[in-house]
Amino acid sequence: KAANLPGLCKVTDLNVPISSNVDCSKIH
């Protein structure tokens, strides 16, 4: 999970306990 996969966004500033890659669609 070191690199961001296509369609994924790096979560860092959102309200999440840790930094992780999630679907951009779930962020927007």
PDB file of N, CA and C in Angstrom:
ATOM      1  N   LYS A   1       0.836  -1.202   0.000  1.00  0.00           N
ATOM      2  CA  LYS A   1       0.000   0.000   0.000  1.00  0.00           C
ATOM      3  C   LYS A   1       0.869   1.250   0.000  1.00  0.00           C
ATOM      4  N   ALA A   2       2.082   1.094  -0.445  1.00  0.00           N
ATOM      5  CA  ALA A   2       3.007   2.231  -0.452  1.00  0.00           C
ATOM      6  C   ALA A   2       2.626   3.217  -1.545  1.00  0.00           C
ATOM      7  N   ALA A   3       2.201   2.680  -2.687  1.00  0.00           N
ATOM      8  CA  ALA A   3       1.846   3.552  -3.810  1.00  0.00           C
ATOM      9  C   ALA A   3       0.333   3.649  -3.936  1.00  0.00           C
ATOM     10  N   ASN A   4      -0.122   4.778  -4.435  1.00  0.00           N
ATOM     11  CA  ASN A   4      -1.561   4.971  -4.621  1.00  0.00           C
ATOM     12  C   ASN A   4      -2.030   4.226  -5.868  1.00  0.00           C
ATOM     13  N   LEU A   5      -3.035   3.410  -5.718  1.00  0.00           N
ATOM     14  CA  LEU A   5      -3.562   2.676  -6.858  1.00  0.00           C
ATOM     15  C   LEU A   5      -4.534   3.554  -7.629  1.00  0.00           C
ATOM     16  N   PRO A   6      -4.749   3.256  -8.911  1.00  0.00           N
ATOM     17  CA  PRO A   6      -5.685   4.020  -9.737  1.00  0.00           C
ATOM     18  C   PRO A   6      -7.071   4.079  -9.105  1.00  0.00           C
ATOM     19  N   GLY A   7      -7.643   5.269  -9.022  1.00  0.00           N
ATOM     20  CA  GLY A   7      -8.985   5.407  -8.463  1.00  0.00           C
ATOM     21  C   GLY A   7      -8.963   5.522  -6.954  1.00  0.00           C
ATOM     22  N   LEU A   8      -7.747   5.563  -6.388  1.00  0.00           N
ATOM     23  CA  LEU A   8      -7.658   5.687  -4.936  1.00  0.00           C
ATOM     24  C   LEU A   8      -7.048   7.019  -4.556  1.00  0.00           C
ATOM     25  N   CYS A   9      -7.412   7.506  -3.393  1.00  0.00           N
ATOM     26  CA  CYS A   9      -6.856   8.774  -2.929  1.00  0.00           C
ATOM     27  C   CYS A   9      -6.154   8.567  -1.595  1.00  0.00           C
ATOM     28  N   LYS A  10      -5.099   9.310  -1.375  1.00  0.00           N
ATOM     29  CA  LYS A  10      -4.371   9.201  -0.115  1.00  0.00           C
ATOM     30  C   LYS A  10      -5.106  10.005   0.951  1.00  0.00           C
ATOM     31  N   VAL A  11      -5.564   9.330   1.989  1.00  0.00           N
ATOM     32  CA  VAL A  11      -6.315  10.010   3.039  1.00  0.00           C
ATOM     33  C   VAL A  11      -5.383  10.432   4.159  1.00  0.00           C
ATOM     34  N   THR A  12      -5.307  11.728   4.403  1.00  0.00           N
ATOM     35  CA  THR A  12      -4.428  12.223   5.456  1.00  0.00           C
ATOM     36  C   THR A  12      -5.100  13.325   6.273  1.00  0.00           C
ATOM     37  N   ASP A  13      -5.859  14.175   5.604  1.00  0.00           N
ATOM     38  CA  ASP A  13      -6.475  15.313   6.287  1.00  0.00           C
ATOM     39  C   ASP A  13      -7.927  15.050   6.678  1.00  0.00           C
ATOM     40  N   LEU A  14      -8.445  13.890   6.269  1.00  0.00           N
ATOM     41  CA  LEU A  14      -9.835  13.581   6.612  1.00  0.00           C
ATOM     42  C   LEU A  14      -9.918  13.046   8.032  1.00  0.00           C
ATOM     43  N   ASN A  15     -11.138  12.899   8.524  1.00  0.00           N
ATOM     44  CA  ASN A  15     -11.327  12.391   9.880  1.00  0.00           C
ATOM     45  C   ASN A  15     -11.152  10.880   9.925  1.00  0.00           C
ATOM     46  N   VAL A  16      -9.887  10.454   9.859  1.00  0.00           N
ATOM     47  CA  VAL A  16      -9.593   9.028   9.920  1.00  0.00           C
ATOM     48  C   VAL A  16      -8.476   8.800  10.920  1.00  0.00           C
ATOM     49  N   PRO A  17      -8.501   7.668  11.607  1.00  0.00           N
ATOM     50  CA  PRO A  17      -7.502   7.362  12.631  1.00  0.00           C
ATOM     51  C   PRO A  17      -6.104   7.242  12.050  1.00  0.00           C
ATOM     52  N   ILE A  18      -6.016   6.763  10.809  1.00  0.00           N
ATOM     53  CA  ILE A  18      -4.705   6.575  10.185  1.00  0.00           C
ATOM     54  C   ILE A  18      -4.749   6.976   8.724  1.00  0.00           C
ATOM     55  N   SER A  19      -3.589   7.130   8.120  1.00  0.00           N
ATOM     56  CA  SER A  19      -3.541   7.452   6.690  1.00  0.00           C
ATOM     57  C   SER A  19      -3.722   6.179   5.882  1.00  0.00           C
ATOM     58  N   SER A  20      -4.688   6.185   4.990  1.00  0.00           N
ATOM     59  CA  SER A  20      -4.927   4.986   4.199  1.00  0.00           C
ATOM     60  C   SER A  20      -5.478   5.358   2.836  1.00  0.00           C
ATOM     61  N   ASN A  21      -5.432   4.422   1.918  1.00  0.00           N
ATOM     62  CA  ASN A  21      -5.948   4.669   0.569  1.00  0.00           C
ATOM     63  C   ASN A  21      -7.390   4.194   0.462  1.00  0.00           C
ATOM     64  N   VAL A  22      -8.284   5.101   0.107  1.00  0.00           N
ATOM     65  CA  VAL A  22      -9.686   4.737  -0.046  1.00  0.00           C
ATOM     66  C   VAL A  22     -10.214   5.248  -1.374  1.00  0.00           C
ATOM     67  N   ASP A  23     -11.386   4.772  -1.759  1.00  0.00           N
ATOM     68  CA  ASP A  23     -11.971   5.214  -3.027  1.00  0.00           C
ATOM     69  C   ASP A  23     -12.263   6.704  -2.992  1.00  0.00           C
ATOM     70  N   CYS A  24     -11.886   7.400  -4.052  1.00  0.00           N
ATOM     71  CA  CYS A  24     -12.138   8.850  -4.129  1.00  0.00           C
ATOM     72  C   CYS A  24     -13.632   9.116  -4.093  1.00  0.00           C
ATOM     73  N   SER A  25     -14.404   8.187  -4.626  1.00  0.00           N
ATOM     74  CA  SER A  25     -15.853   8.368  -4.684  1.00  0.00           C
ATOM     75  C   SER A  25     -16.435   8.429  -3.277  1.00  0.00           C
ATOM     76  N   LYS A  26     -15.777   7.758  -2.326  1.00  0.00           N
ATOM     77  CA  LYS A  26     -16.281   7.758  -0.951  1.00  0.00           C
ATOM     78  C   LYS A  26     -15.923   9.058  -0.252  1.00  0.00           C
ATOM     79  N   ILE A  27     -14.890   9.733  -0.767  1.00  0.00           N
ATOM     80  CA  ILE A  27     -14.473  11.002  -0.177  1.00  0.00           C
ATOM     81  C   ILE A  27     -15.369  12.120  -0.681  1.00  0.00           C
ATOM     82  N   HIS A  28     -15.627  12.097  -1.983  1.00  0.00           N
ATOM     83  CA  HIS A  28     -16.494  13.112  -2.569  1.00  0.00           C
ATOM     84  C   HIS A  28     -17.932  12.746  -2.274  1.00  0.00           C
TER      85      HIS A  28
END
